[in-house]
Amino acid sequence: LTAWTWGGLLGIDMLWVHEDHRRGRWGSRLLRAAEAEA
């Protein structure tokens, strides 16, 4: 996941998970980690 932060806002640019791993909840983990860092 790539994103930016500015003035209290998290802006997510891209989130991608390889097709073979999409059922492993990687996307959710990526998103939660970015939100926590934000």
Full PDB file with SEQRES, HELIX, SHEET, SSBOND, CRYST1, ORIGX, SCALE, CONECT and MASTER records, all heavy atoms in Angstrom:
SEQRES   1 A   38  LEU THR ALA TRP THR TRP GLY GLY LEU LEU GLY ILE ASP          
SEQRES   2 A   38  MET LEU TRP VAL HIS GLU ASP HIS ARG ARG GLY ARG TRP          
SEQRES   3 A   38  GLY SER ARG LEU LEU ARG ALA ALA GLU ALA GLU ALA              
HELIX    1 AA1 GLU A   19  HIS A   21  5                                   3    
HELIX    2 AA2 TRP A   26  GLU A   37  1                                  12    
SHEET    1 AA1 2 THR A   2  TRP A   6  0                                        
SHEET    2 AA1 2 LEU A   9  MET A  14 -1                                        
CRYST1    1.000    1.000    1.000  90.00  90.00  90.00 P 1           1          
ORIGX1      1.000000  0.000000  0.000000        0.00000                         
ORIGX2      0.000000  1.000000  0.000000        0.00000                         
ORIGX3      0.000000  0.000000  1.000000        0.00000                         
SCALE1      1.000000  0.000000  0.000000        0.00000                         
SCALE2      0.000000  1.000000  0.000000        0.00000                         
SCALE3      0.000000  0.000000  1.000000        0.00000                         
ATOM      1  N   LEU A   1       0.861  -1.174   0.000  1.00  0.00           N  
ATOM      2  CA  LEU A   1       0.000   0.000   0.000  1.00  0.00           C  
ATOM      3  C   LEU A   1       0.897   1.222   0.000  1.00  0.00           C  
ATOM      4  O   LEU A   1       1.892   1.266   0.725  1.00  0.00           O  
ATOM      5  CB  LEU A   1      -0.874  -0.015   1.255  1.00  0.00           C  
ATOM      6  CG  LEU A   1      -1.839   1.143   1.481  1.00  0.00           C  
ATOM      7  CD1 LEU A   1      -3.067   0.647   2.249  1.00  0.00           C  
ATOM      8  CD2 LEU A   1      -1.203   2.301   2.211  1.00  0.00           C  
ATOM      9  N   THR A   2       0.555   2.204  -0.842  1.00  0.00           N  
ATOM     10  CA  THR A   2       1.226   3.497  -0.803  1.00  0.00           C  
ATOM     11  C   THR A   2       0.184   4.566  -0.526  1.00  0.00           C  
ATOM     12  O   THR A   2      -0.969   4.458  -0.950  1.00  0.00           O  
ATOM     13  CB  THR A   2       1.970   3.813  -2.117  1.00  0.00           C  
ATOM     14  OG1 THR A   2       1.049   3.787  -3.206  1.00  0.00           O  
ATOM     15  CG2 THR A   2       3.106   2.823  -2.363  1.00  0.00           C  
ATOM     16  N   ALA A   3       0.606   5.580   0.213  1.00  0.00           N  
ATOM     17  CA  ALA A   3      -0.326   6.628   0.617  1.00  0.00           C  
ATOM     18  C   ALA A   3       0.464   7.880   0.985  1.00  0.00           C  
ATOM     19  O   ALA A   3       1.697   7.896   0.947  1.00  0.00           O  
ATOM     20  CB  ALA A   3      -1.160   6.156   1.814  1.00  0.00           C  
ATOM     21  N   TRP A   4      -0.272   8.900   1.358  1.00  0.00           N  
ATOM     22  CA  TRP A   4       0.303  10.143   1.852  1.00  0.00           C  
ATOM     23  C   TRP A   4      -0.531  10.622   3.033  1.00  0.00           C  
ATOM     24  O   TRP A   4      -1.673  10.211   3.212  1.00  0.00           O  
ATOM     25  CB  TRP A   4       0.355  11.215   0.760  1.00  0.00           C  
ATOM     26  CG  TRP A   4      -0.954  11.385   0.025  1.00  0.00           C  
ATOM     27  CD1 TRP A   4      -1.330  10.762  -1.136  1.00  0.00           C  
ATOM     28  CD2 TRP A   4      -2.070  12.199   0.411  1.00  0.00           C  
ATOM     29  NE1 TRP A   4      -2.614  11.140  -1.480  1.00  0.00           N  
ATOM     30  CE2 TRP A   4      -3.083  12.030  -0.555  1.00  0.00           C  
ATOM     31  CE3 TRP A   4      -2.311  13.056   1.489  1.00  0.00           C  
ATOM     32  CZ2 TRP A   4      -4.313  12.681  -0.480  1.00  0.00           C  
ATOM     33  CZ3 TRP A   4      -3.541  13.705   1.555  1.00  0.00           C  
ATOM     34  CH2 TRP A   4      -4.511  13.523   0.568  1.00  0.00           C  
ATOM     35  N   THR A   5       0.080  11.456   3.848  1.00  0.00           N  
ATOM     36  CA  THR A   5      -0.647  12.091   4.939  1.00  0.00           C  
ATOM     37  C   THR A   5      -0.419  13.591   4.835  1.00  0.00           C  
ATOM     38  O   THR A   5       0.672  14.051   4.454  1.00  0.00           O  
ATOM     39  CB  THR A   5      -0.180  11.589   6.322  1.00  0.00           C  
ATOM     40  OG1 THR A   5       1.228  11.797   6.470  1.00  0.00           O  
ATOM     41  CG2 THR A   5      -0.498  10.107   6.496  1.00  0.00           C  
ATOM     42  N   TRP A   6      -1.456  14.346   5.158  1.00  0.00           N  
ATOM     43  CA  TRP A   6      -1.342  15.803   5.116  1.00  0.00           C  
ATOM     44  C   TRP A   6      -2.510  16.423   5.866  1.00  0.00           C  
ATOM     45  O   TRP A   6      -3.671  16.082   5.596  1.00  0.00           O  
ATOM     46  CB  TRP A   6      -1.332  16.311   3.670  1.00  0.00           C  
ATOM     47  CG  TRP A   6      -1.282  17.802   3.565  1.00  0.00           C  
ATOM     48  CD1 TRP A   6      -0.358  18.639   4.126  1.00  0.00           C  
ATOM     49  CD2 TRP A   6      -2.182  18.643   2.847  1.00  0.00           C  
ATOM     50  NE1 TRP A   6      -0.633  19.946   3.800  1.00  0.00           N  
ATOM     51  CE2 TRP A   6      -1.757  19.977   3.009  1.00  0.00           C  
ATOM     52  CE3 TRP A   6      -3.308  18.406   2.086  1.00  0.00           C  
ATOM     53  CZ2 TRP A   6      -2.407  21.057   2.441  1.00  0.00           C  
ATOM     54  CZ3 TRP A   6      -3.966  19.485   1.514  1.00  0.00           C  
ATOM     55  CH2 TRP A   6      -3.512  20.785   1.680  1.00  0.00           C  
ATOM     56  N   GLY A   7      -2.211  17.269   6.806  1.00  0.00           N  
ATOM     57  CA  GLY A   7      -3.232  18.031   7.495  1.00  0.00           C  
ATOM     58  C   GLY A   7      -4.324  17.177   8.121  1.00  0.00           C  
ATOM     59  O   GLY A   7      -5.495  17.530   8.057  1.00  0.00           O  
ATOM     60  N   GLY A   8      -3.947  16.045   8.693  1.00  0.00           N  
ATOM     61  CA  GLY A   8      -4.928  15.183   9.348  1.00  0.00           C  
ATOM     62  C   GLY A   8      -5.629  14.205   8.435  1.00  0.00           C  
ATOM     63  O   GLY A   8      -6.553  13.510   8.852  1.00  0.00           O  
ATOM     64  N   LEU A   9      -5.194  14.118   7.193  1.00  0.00           N  
ATOM     65  CA  LEU A   9      -5.840  13.250   6.204  1.00  0.00           C  
ATOM     66  C   LEU A   9      -4.866  12.178   5.718  1.00  0.00           C  
ATOM     67  O   LEU A   9      -3.712  12.472   5.412  1.00  0.00           O  
ATOM     68  CB  LEU A   9      -6.303  14.086   5.017  1.00  0.00           C  
ATOM     69  CG  LEU A   9      -7.003  13.362   3.869  1.00  0.00           C  
ATOM     70  CD1 LEU A   9      -8.343  12.785   4.332  1.00  0.00           C  
ATOM     71  CD2 LEU A   9      -7.222  14.322   2.704  1.00  0.00           C  
ATOM     72  N   LEU A  10      -5.352  10.942   5.645  1.00  0.00           N  
ATOM     73  CA  LEU A  10      -4.637   9.838   4.998  1.00  0.00           C  
ATOM     74  C   LEU A  10      -5.218   9.700   3.602  1.00  0.00           C  
ATOM     75  O   LEU A  10      -6.427   9.546   3.443  1.00  0.00           O  
ATOM     76  CB  LEU A  10      -4.844   8.531   5.769  1.00  0.00           C  
ATOM     77  CG  LEU A  10      -4.450   7.232   5.052  1.00  0.00           C  
ATOM     78  CD1 LEU A  10      -2.947   7.170   4.818  1.00  0.00           C  
ATOM     79  CD2 LEU A  10      -4.930   6.022   5.841  1.00  0.00           C  
ATOM     80  N   GLY A  11      -4.385   9.763   2.587  1.00  0.00           N  
ATOM     81  CA  GLY A  11      -4.823   9.571   1.205  1.00  0.00           C  
ATOM     82  C   GLY A  11      -4.171   8.321   0.647  1.00  0.00           C  
ATOM     83  O   GLY A  11      -2.952   8.282   0.448  1.00  0.00           O  
ATOM     84  N   ILE A  12      -4.964   7.300   0.408  1.00  0.00           N  
ATOM     85  CA  ILE A  12      -4.431   6.039  -0.110  1.00  0.00           C  
ATOM     86  C   ILE A  12      -4.324   6.136  -1.628  1.00  0.00           C  
ATOM     87  O   ILE A  12      -5.315   6.398  -2.309  1.00  0.00           O  
ATOM     88  CB  ILE A  12      -5.328   4.858   0.307  1.00  0.00           C  
ATOM     89  CG1 ILE A  12      -5.387   4.758   1.822  1.00  0.00           C  
ATOM     90  CG2 ILE A  12      -4.831   3.551  -0.324  1.00  0.00           C  
ATOM     91  CD1 ILE A  12      -6.443   3.812   2.349  1.00  0.00           C  
ATOM     92  N   ASP A  13      -3.115   5.931  -2.136  1.00  0.00           N  
ATOM     93  CA  ASP A  13      -2.886   5.960  -3.581  1.00  0.00           C  
ATOM     94  C   ASP A  13      -3.140   4.591  -4.198  1.00  0.00           C  
ATOM     95  O   ASP A  13      -3.927   4.464  -5.119  1.00  0.00           O  
ATOM     96  CB  ASP A  13      -1.448   6.394  -3.900  1.00  0.00           C  
ATOM     97  CG  ASP A  13      -1.196   7.856  -3.603  1.00  0.00           C  
ATOM     98  OD1 ASP A  13      -2.086   8.690  -3.862  1.00  0.00           O  
ATOM     99  OD2 ASP A  13      -0.105   8.160  -3.098  1.00  0.00           O  
ATOM    100  N   MET A  14      -2.424   3.586  -3.706  1.00  0.00           N  
ATOM    101  CA  MET A  14      -2.522   2.257  -4.294  1.00  0.00           C  
ATOM    102  C   MET A  14      -2.495   1.197  -3.208  1.00  0.00           C  
ATOM    103  O   MET A  14      -1.773   1.324  -2.228  1.00  0.00           O  
ATOM    104  CB  MET A  14      -1.357   2.000  -5.255  1.00  0.00           C  
ATOM    105  CG  MET A  14      -1.354   2.878  -6.478  1.00  0.00           C  
ATOM    106  SD  MET A  14      -0.037   2.427  -7.641  1.00  0.00           S  
ATOM    107  CE  MET A  14       1.385   3.155  -6.838  1.00  0.00           C  
ATOM    108  N   LEU A  15      -3.290   0.152  -3.415  1.00  0.00           N  
ATOM    109  CA  LEU A  15      -3.251  -1.040  -2.565  1.00  0.00           C  
ATOM    110  C   LEU A  15      -3.381  -2.216  -3.520  1.00  0.00           C  
ATOM    111  O   LEU A  15      -4.332  -2.289  -4.299  1.00  0.00           O  
ATOM    112  CB  LEU A  15      -4.398  -1.040  -1.555  1.00  0.00           C  
ATOM    113  CG  LEU A  15      -4.344  -2.125  -0.469  1.00  0.00           C  
ATOM    114  CD1 LEU A  15      -5.229  -1.724   0.707  1.00  0.00           C  
ATOM    115  CD2 LEU A  15      -4.696  -3.495  -0.934  1.00  0.00           C  
ATOM    116  N   TRP A  16      -2.412  -3.131  -3.452  1.00  0.00           N  
ATOM    117  CA  TRP A  16      -2.420  -4.286  -4.344  1.00  0.00           C  
ATOM    118  C   TRP A  16      -1.903  -5.498  -3.601  1.00  0.00           C  
ATOM    119  O   TRP A  16      -0.956  -5.400  -2.809  1.00  0.00           O  
ATOM    120  CB  TRP A  16      -1.549  -4.026  -5.572  1.00  0.00           C  
ATOM    121  CG  TRP A  16      -1.401  -5.213  -6.462  1.00  0.00           C  
ATOM    122  CD1 TRP A  16      -2.274  -5.635  -7.426  1.00  0.00           C  
ATOM    123  CD2 TRP A  16      -0.319  -6.145  -6.487  1.00  0.00           C  
ATOM    124  NE1 TRP A  16      -1.796  -6.775  -8.044  1.00  0.00           N  
ATOM    125  CE2 TRP A  16      -0.593  -7.107  -7.468  1.00  0.00           C  
ATOM    126  CE3 TRP A  16       0.861  -6.265  -5.744  1.00  0.00           C  
ATOM    127  CZ2 TRP A  16       0.261  -8.162  -7.757  1.00  0.00           C  
ATOM    128  CZ3 TRP A  16       1.713  -7.323  -6.030  1.00  0.00           C  
ATOM    129  CH2 TRP A  16       1.403  -8.252  -7.036  1.00  0.00           C  
ATOM    130  N   VAL A  17      -2.536  -6.649  -3.849  1.00  0.00           N  
ATOM    131  CA  VAL A  17      -2.090  -7.929  -3.305  1.00  0.00           C  
ATOM    132  C   VAL A  17      -2.031  -8.916  -4.466  1.00  0.00           C  
ATOM    133  O   VAL A  17      -2.967  -8.997  -5.274  1.00  0.00           O  
ATOM    134  CB  VAL A  17      -3.049  -8.445  -2.199  1.00  0.00           C  
ATOM    135  CG1 VAL A  17      -2.636  -9.826  -1.722  1.00  0.00           C  
ATOM    136  CG2 VAL A  17      -3.102  -7.462  -1.035  1.00  0.00           C  
ATOM    137  N   HIS A  18      -0.942  -9.668  -4.533  1.00  0.00           N  
ATOM    138  CA  HIS A  18      -0.774 -10.666  -5.588  1.00  0.00           C  
ATOM    139  C   HIS A  18      -1.962 -11.625  -5.573  1.00  0.00           C  
ATOM    140  O   HIS A  18      -2.444 -12.025  -4.511  1.00  0.00           O  
ATOM    141  CB  HIS A  18       0.539 -11.425  -5.375  1.00  0.00           C  
ATOM    142  CG  HIS A  18       0.883 -12.324  -6.517  1.00  0.00           C  
ATOM    143  ND1 HIS A  18       0.308 -13.570  -6.669  1.00  0.00           N  
ATOM    144  CD2 HIS A  18       1.718 -12.149  -7.556  1.00  0.00           C  
ATOM    145  CE1 HIS A  18       0.788 -14.135  -7.758  1.00  0.00           C  
ATOM    146  NE2 HIS A  18       1.651 -13.280  -8.318  1.00  0.00           N  
ATOM    147  N   GLU A  19      -2.397 -12.009  -6.728  1.00  0.00           N  
ATOM    148  CA  GLU A  19      -3.584 -12.868  -6.884  1.00  0.00           C  
ATOM    149  C   GLU A  19      -3.518 -14.128  -6.020  1.00  0.00           C  
ATOM    150  O   GLU A  19      -4.525 -14.551  -5.448  1.00  0.00           O  
ATOM    151  CB  GLU A  19      -3.737 -13.235  -8.362  1.00  0.00           C  
ATOM    152  CG  GLU A  19      -4.998 -13.968  -8.680  1.00  0.00           C  
ATOM    153  CD  GLU A  19      -5.174 -14.217 -10.166  1.00  0.00           C  
ATOM    154  OE1 GLU A  19      -4.399 -13.662 -10.977  1.00  0.00           O  
ATOM    155  OE2 GLU A  19      -6.082 -14.986 -10.509  1.00  0.00           O  
ATOM    156  N   ASP A  20      -2.353 -14.736  -5.898  1.00  0.00           N  
ATOM    157  CA  ASP A  20      -2.209 -15.976  -5.125  1.00  0.00           C  
ATOM    158  C   ASP A  20      -2.401 -15.773  -3.622  1.00  0.00           C  
ATOM    159  O   ASP A  20      -2.519 -16.748  -2.880  1.00  0.00           O  
ATOM    160  CB  ASP A  20      -0.825 -16.598  -5.357  1.00  0.00           C  
ATOM    161  CG  ASP A  20      -0.631 -17.058  -6.785  1.00  0.00           C  
ATOM    162  OD1 ASP A  20      -1.635 -17.200  -7.521  1.00  0.00           O  
ATOM    163  OD2 ASP A  20       0.541 -17.278  -7.174  1.00  0.00           O  
ATOM    164  N   HIS A  21      -2.412 -14.532  -3.163  1.00  0.00           N  
ATOM    165  CA  HIS A  21      -2.472 -14.251  -1.726  1.00  0.00           C  
ATOM    166  C   HIS A  21      -3.706 -13.455  -1.313  1.00  0.00           C  
ATOM    167  O   HIS A  21      -3.803 -13.017  -0.173  1.00  0.00           O  
ATOM    168  CB  HIS A  21      -1.203 -13.506  -1.291  1.00  0.00           C  
ATOM    169  CG  HIS A  21       0.031 -14.320  -1.469  1.00  0.00           C  
ATOM    170  ND1 HIS A  21       0.466 -15.215  -0.526  1.00  0.00           N  
ATOM    171  CD2 HIS A  21       0.906 -14.397  -2.497  1.00  0.00           C  
ATOM    172  CE1 HIS A  21       1.572 -15.799  -0.957  1.00  0.00           C  
ATOM    173  NE2 HIS A  21       1.858 -15.318  -2.157  1.00  0.00           N  
ATOM    174  N   ARG A  22      -4.653 -13.274  -2.216  1.00  0.00           N  
ATOM    175  CA  ARG A  22      -5.808 -12.424  -1.921  1.00  0.00           C  
ATOM    176  C   ARG A  22      -6.757 -13.027  -0.903  1.00  0.00           C  
ATOM    177  O   ARG A  22      -7.542 -12.311  -0.313  1.00  0.00           O  
ATOM    178  CB  ARG A  22      -6.542 -12.080  -3.210  1.00  0.00           C  
ATOM    179  CG  ARG A  22      -5.681 -11.153  -4.053  1.00  0.00           C  
ATOM    180  CD  ARG A  22      -6.387 -10.525  -5.198  1.00  0.00           C  
ATOM    181  NE  ARG A  22      -5.406  -9.720  -5.920  1.00  0.00           N  
ATOM    182  CZ  ARG A  22      -5.373  -9.567  -7.206  1.00  0.00           C  
ATOM    183  NH1 ARG A  22      -6.311 -10.123  -7.950  1.00  0.00           N  
ATOM    184  NH2 ARG A  22      -4.443  -8.831  -7.771  1.00  0.00           N  
ATOM    185  N   ARG A  23      -6.711 -14.297  -0.660  1.00  0.00           N  
ATOM    186  CA  ARG A  23      -7.575 -14.910   0.350  1.00  0.00           C  
ATOM    187  C   ARG A  23      -6.916 -14.946   1.726  1.00  0.00           C  
ATOM    188  O   ARG A  23      -7.494 -15.418   2.679  1.00  0.00           O  
ATOM    189  CB  ARG A  23      -7.964 -16.336  -0.072  1.00  0.00           C  
ATOM    190  CG  ARG A  23      -8.803 -16.393  -1.327  1.00  0.00           C  
ATOM    191  CD  ARG A  23     -10.193 -15.911  -1.024  1.00  0.00           C  
ATOM    192  NE  ARG A  23     -11.012 -15.933  -2.235  1.00  0.00           N  
ATOM    193  CZ  ARG A  23     -11.955 -15.064  -2.493  1.00  0.00           C  
ATOM    194  NH1 ARG A  23     -12.224 -14.101  -1.640  1.00  0.00           N  
ATOM    195  NH2 ARG A  23     -12.653 -15.141  -3.587  1.00  0.00           N  
ATOM    196  N   GLY A  24      -5.692 -14.436   1.835  1.00  0.00           N  
ATOM    197  CA  GLY A  24      -4.969 -14.485   3.103  1.00  0.00           C  
ATOM    198  C   GLY A  24      -5.152 -13.253   3.975  1.00  0.00           C  
ATOM    199  O   GLY A  24      -4.401 -13.067   4.922  1.00  0.00           O  
ATOM    200  N   ARG A  25      -6.106 -12.411   3.649  1.00  0.00           N  
ATOM    201  CA  ARG A  25      -6.411 -11.195   4.419  1.00  0.00           C  
ATOM    202  C   ARG A  25      -5.259 -10.196   4.414  1.00  0.00           C  
ATOM    203  O   ARG A  25      -5.167  -9.331   5.279  1.00  0.00           O  
ATOM    204  CB  ARG A  25      -6.857 -11.531   5.838  1.00  0.00           C  
ATOM    205  CG  ARG A  25      -8.016 -12.527   5.844  1.00  0.00           C  
ATOM    206  CD  ARG A  25      -9.042 -12.439   6.912  1.00  0.00           C  
ATOM    207  NE  ARG A  25      -9.322 -11.180   7.541  1.00  0.00           N  
ATOM    208  CZ  ARG A  25     -10.293 -10.335   7.158  1.00  0.00           C  
ATOM    209  NH1 ARG A  25     -11.032 -10.609   6.131  1.00  0.00           N  
ATOM    210  NH2 ARG A  25     -10.499  -9.222   7.829  1.00  0.00           N  
ATOM    211  N   TRP A  26      -4.370 -10.314   3.428  1.00  0.00           N  
ATOM    212  CA  TRP A  26      -3.256  -9.381   3.325  1.00  0.00           C  
ATOM    213  C   TRP A  26      -3.758  -7.962   3.101  1.00  0.00           C  
ATOM    214  O   TRP A  26      -3.225  -7.002   3.673  1.00  0.00           O  
ATOM    215  CB  TRP A  26      -2.306  -9.785   2.197  1.00  0.00           C  
ATOM    216  CG  TRP A  26      -1.462 -10.972   2.514  1.00  0.00           C  
ATOM    217  CD1 TRP A  26      -1.649 -12.250   2.051  1.00  0.00           C  
ATOM    218  CD2 TRP A  26      -0.319 -11.020   3.355  1.00  0.00           C  
ATOM    219  NE1 TRP A  26      -0.682 -13.080   2.553  1.00  0.00           N  
ATOM    220  CE2 TRP A  26       0.151 -12.340   3.362  1.00  0.00           C  
ATOM    221  CE3 TRP A  26       0.351 -10.078   4.108  1.00  0.00           C  
ATOM    222  CZ2 TRP A  26       1.275 -12.744   4.081  1.00  0.00           C  
ATOM    223  CZ3 TRP A  26       1.468 -10.468   4.831  1.00  0.00           C  
ATOM    224  CH2 TRP A  26       1.910 -11.792   4.809  1.00  0.00           C  
ATOM    225  N   GLY A  27      -4.777  -7.794   2.254  1.00  0.00           N  
ATOM    226  CA  GLY A  27      -5.305  -6.459   1.989  1.00  0.00           C  
ATOM    227  C   GLY A  27      -5.809  -5.794   3.254  1.00  0.00           C  
ATOM    228  O   GLY A  27      -5.547  -4.615   3.510  1.00  0.00           O  
ATOM    229  N   SER A  28      -6.529  -6.545   4.080  1.00  0.00           N  
ATOM    230  CA  SER A  28      -7.034  -6.011   5.342  1.00  0.00           C  
ATOM    231  C   SER A  28      -5.886  -5.627   6.267  1.00  0.00           C  
ATOM    232  O   SER A  28      -5.922  -4.585   6.927  1.00  0.00           O  
ATOM    233  CB  SER A  28      -7.935  -7.036   6.037  1.00  0.00           C  
ATOM    234  OG  SER A  28      -9.087  -7.275   5.265  1.00  0.00           O  
ATOM    235  N   ARG A  29      -4.868  -6.454   6.306  1.00  0.00           N  
ATOM    236  CA  ARG A  29      -3.718  -6.160   7.165  1.00  0.00           C  
ATOM    237  C   ARG A  29      -2.993  -4.901   6.696  1.00  0.00           C  
ATOM    238  O   ARG A  29      -2.591  -4.072   7.521  1.00  0.00           O  
ATOM    239  CB  ARG A  29      -2.749  -7.332   7.183  1.00  0.00           C  
ATOM    240  CG  ARG A  29      -3.298  -8.548   7.884  1.00  0.00           C  
ATOM    241  CD  ARG A  29      -2.255  -9.637   7.956  1.00  0.00           C  
ATOM    242  NE  ARG A  29      -2.853 -10.882   7.539  1.00  0.00           N  
ATOM    243  CZ  ARG A  29      -2.198 -12.018   7.389  1.00  0.00           C  
ATOM    244  NH1 ARG A  29      -0.906 -12.067   7.596  1.00  0.00           N  
ATOM    245  NH2 ARG A  29      -2.823 -13.111   7.027  1.00  0.00           N  
ATOM    246  N   LEU A  30      -2.836  -4.781   5.387  1.00  0.00           N  
ATOM    247  CA  LEU A  30      -2.183  -3.589   4.837  1.00  0.00           C  
ATOM    248  C   LEU A  30      -2.970  -2.332   5.193  1.00  0.00           C  
ATOM    249  O   LEU A  30      -2.403  -1.330   5.641  1.00  0.00           O  
ATOM    250  CB  LEU A  30      -2.061  -3.703   3.313  1.00  0.00           C  
ATOM    251  CG  LEU A  30      -1.090  -4.744   2.782  1.00  0.00           C  
ATOM    252  CD1 LEU A  30      -1.365  -5.029   1.313  1.00  0.00           C  
ATOM    253  CD2 LEU A  30       0.352  -4.264   2.982  1.00  0.00           C  
ATOM    254  N   LEU A  31      -4.284  -2.395   4.982  1.00  0.00           N  
ATOM    255  CA  LEU A  31      -5.131  -1.239   5.239  1.00  0.00           C  
ATOM    256  C   LEU A  31      -5.120  -0.865   6.718  1.00  0.00           C  
ATOM    257  O   LEU A  31      -4.961   0.312   7.074  1.00  0.00           O  
ATOM    258  CB  LEU A  31      -6.561  -1.516   4.757  1.00  0.00           C  
ATOM    259  CG  LEU A  31      -7.528  -0.350   4.813  1.00  0.00           C  
ATOM    260  CD1 LEU A  31      -7.038   0.840   3.990  1.00  0.00           C  
ATOM    261  CD2 LEU A  31      -8.907  -0.798   4.322  1.00  0.00           C  
ATOM    262  N   ARG A  32      -5.261  -1.847   7.594  1.00  0.00           N  
ATOM    263  CA  ARG A  32      -5.252  -1.571   9.038  1.00  0.00           C  
ATOM    264  C   ARG A  32      -3.913  -0.978   9.482  1.00  0.00           C  
ATOM    265  O   ARG A  32      -3.870  -0.064  10.314  1.00  0.00           O  
ATOM    266  CB  ARG A  32      -5.571  -2.831   9.833  1.00  0.00           C  
ATOM    267  CG  ARG A  32      -7.055  -3.166   9.837  1.00  0.00           C  
ATOM    268  CD  ARG A  32      -7.413  -4.218  10.885  1.00  0.00           C  
ATOM    269  NE  ARG A  32      -6.664  -5.455  10.772  1.00  0.00           N  
ATOM    270  CZ  ARG A  32      -7.038  -6.507  10.045  1.00  0.00           C  
ATOM    271  NH1 ARG A  32      -8.179  -6.476   9.368  1.00  0.00           N  
ATOM    272  NH2 ARG A  32      -6.300  -7.593   9.998  1.00  0.00           N  
ATOM    273  N   ALA A  33      -2.823  -1.481   8.927  1.00  0.00           N  
ATOM    274  CA  ALA A  33      -1.502  -0.952   9.294  1.00  0.00           C  
ATOM    275  C   ALA A  33      -1.352   0.502   8.842  1.00  0.00           C  
ATOM    276  O   ALA A  33      -0.816   1.335   9.577  1.00  0.00           O  
ATOM    277  CB  ALA A  33      -0.402  -1.818   8.686  1.00  0.00           C  
ATOM    278  N   ALA A  34      -1.826   0.818   7.650  1.00  0.00           N  
ATOM    279  CA  ALA A  34      -1.745   2.199   7.154  1.00  0.00           C  
ATOM    280  C   ALA A  34      -2.612   3.125   8.003  1.00  0.00           C  
ATOM    281  O   ALA A  34      -2.190   4.237   8.354  1.00  0.00           O  
ATOM    282  CB  ALA A  34      -2.176   2.256   5.688  1.00  0.00           C  
ATOM    283  N   GLU A  35      -3.808   2.679   8.343  1.00  0.00           N  
ATOM    284  CA  GLU A  35      -4.692   3.497   9.179  1.00  0.00           C  
ATOM    285  C   GLU A  35      -4.084   3.724  10.561  1.00  0.00           C  
ATOM    286  O   GLU A  35      -4.155   4.835  11.109  1.00  0.00           O  
ATOM    287  CB  GLU A  35      -6.060   2.838   9.311  1.00  0.00           C  
ATOM    288  CG  GLU A  35      -6.864   2.864   8.027  1.00  0.00           C  
ATOM    289  CD  GLU A  35      -8.157   2.070   8.099  1.00  0.00           C  
ATOM    290  OE1 GLU A  35      -8.378   1.325   9.087  1.00  0.00           O  
ATOM    291  OE2 GLU A  35      -8.958   2.192   7.154  1.00  0.00           O  
ATOM    292  N   ALA A  36      -3.462   2.692  11.134  1.00  0.00           N  
ATOM    293  CA  ALA A  36      -2.828   2.829  12.445  1.00  0.00           C  
ATOM    294  C   ALA A  36      -1.678   3.827  12.386  1.00  0.00           C  
ATOM    295  O   ALA A  36      -1.524   4.676  13.274  1.00  0.00           O  
ATOM    296  CB  ALA A  36      -2.338   1.466  12.949  1.00  0.00           C  
ATOM    297  N   GLU A  37      -0.864   3.750  11.342  1.00  0.00           N  
ATOM    298  CA  GLU A  37       0.248   4.694  11.194  1.00  0.00           C  
ATOM    299  C   GLU A  37      -0.288   6.109  10.982  1.00  0.00           C  
ATOM    300  O   GLU A  37       0.252   7.079  11.522  1.00  0.00           O  
ATOM    301  CB  GLU A  37       1.159   4.276  10.043  1.00  0.00           C  
ATOM    302  CG  GLU A  37       2.261   5.271   9.722  1.00  0.00           C  
ATOM    303  CD  GLU A  37       3.231   5.551  10.876  1.00  0.00           C  
ATOM    304  OE1 GLU A  37       3.288   4.774  11.857  1.00  0.00           O  
ATOM    305  OE2 GLU A  37       3.955   6.566  10.790  1.00  0.00           O  
ATOM    306  N   ALA A  38      -1.365   6.238  10.209  1.00  0.00           N  
ATOM    307  CA  ALA A  38      -1.963   7.563   9.992  1.00  0.00           C  
ATOM    308  C   ALA A  38      -2.459   8.148  11.309  1.00  0.00           C  
ATOM    309  O   ALA A  38      -2.252   9.334  11.587  1.00  0.00           O  
ATOM    310  CB  ALA A  38      -3.102   7.462   8.981  1.00  0.00           C  
TER     311      ALA A  38                                                      
MASTER        0    0    0    2    2    0    0    6  310    1    0    3          
END                                                                             
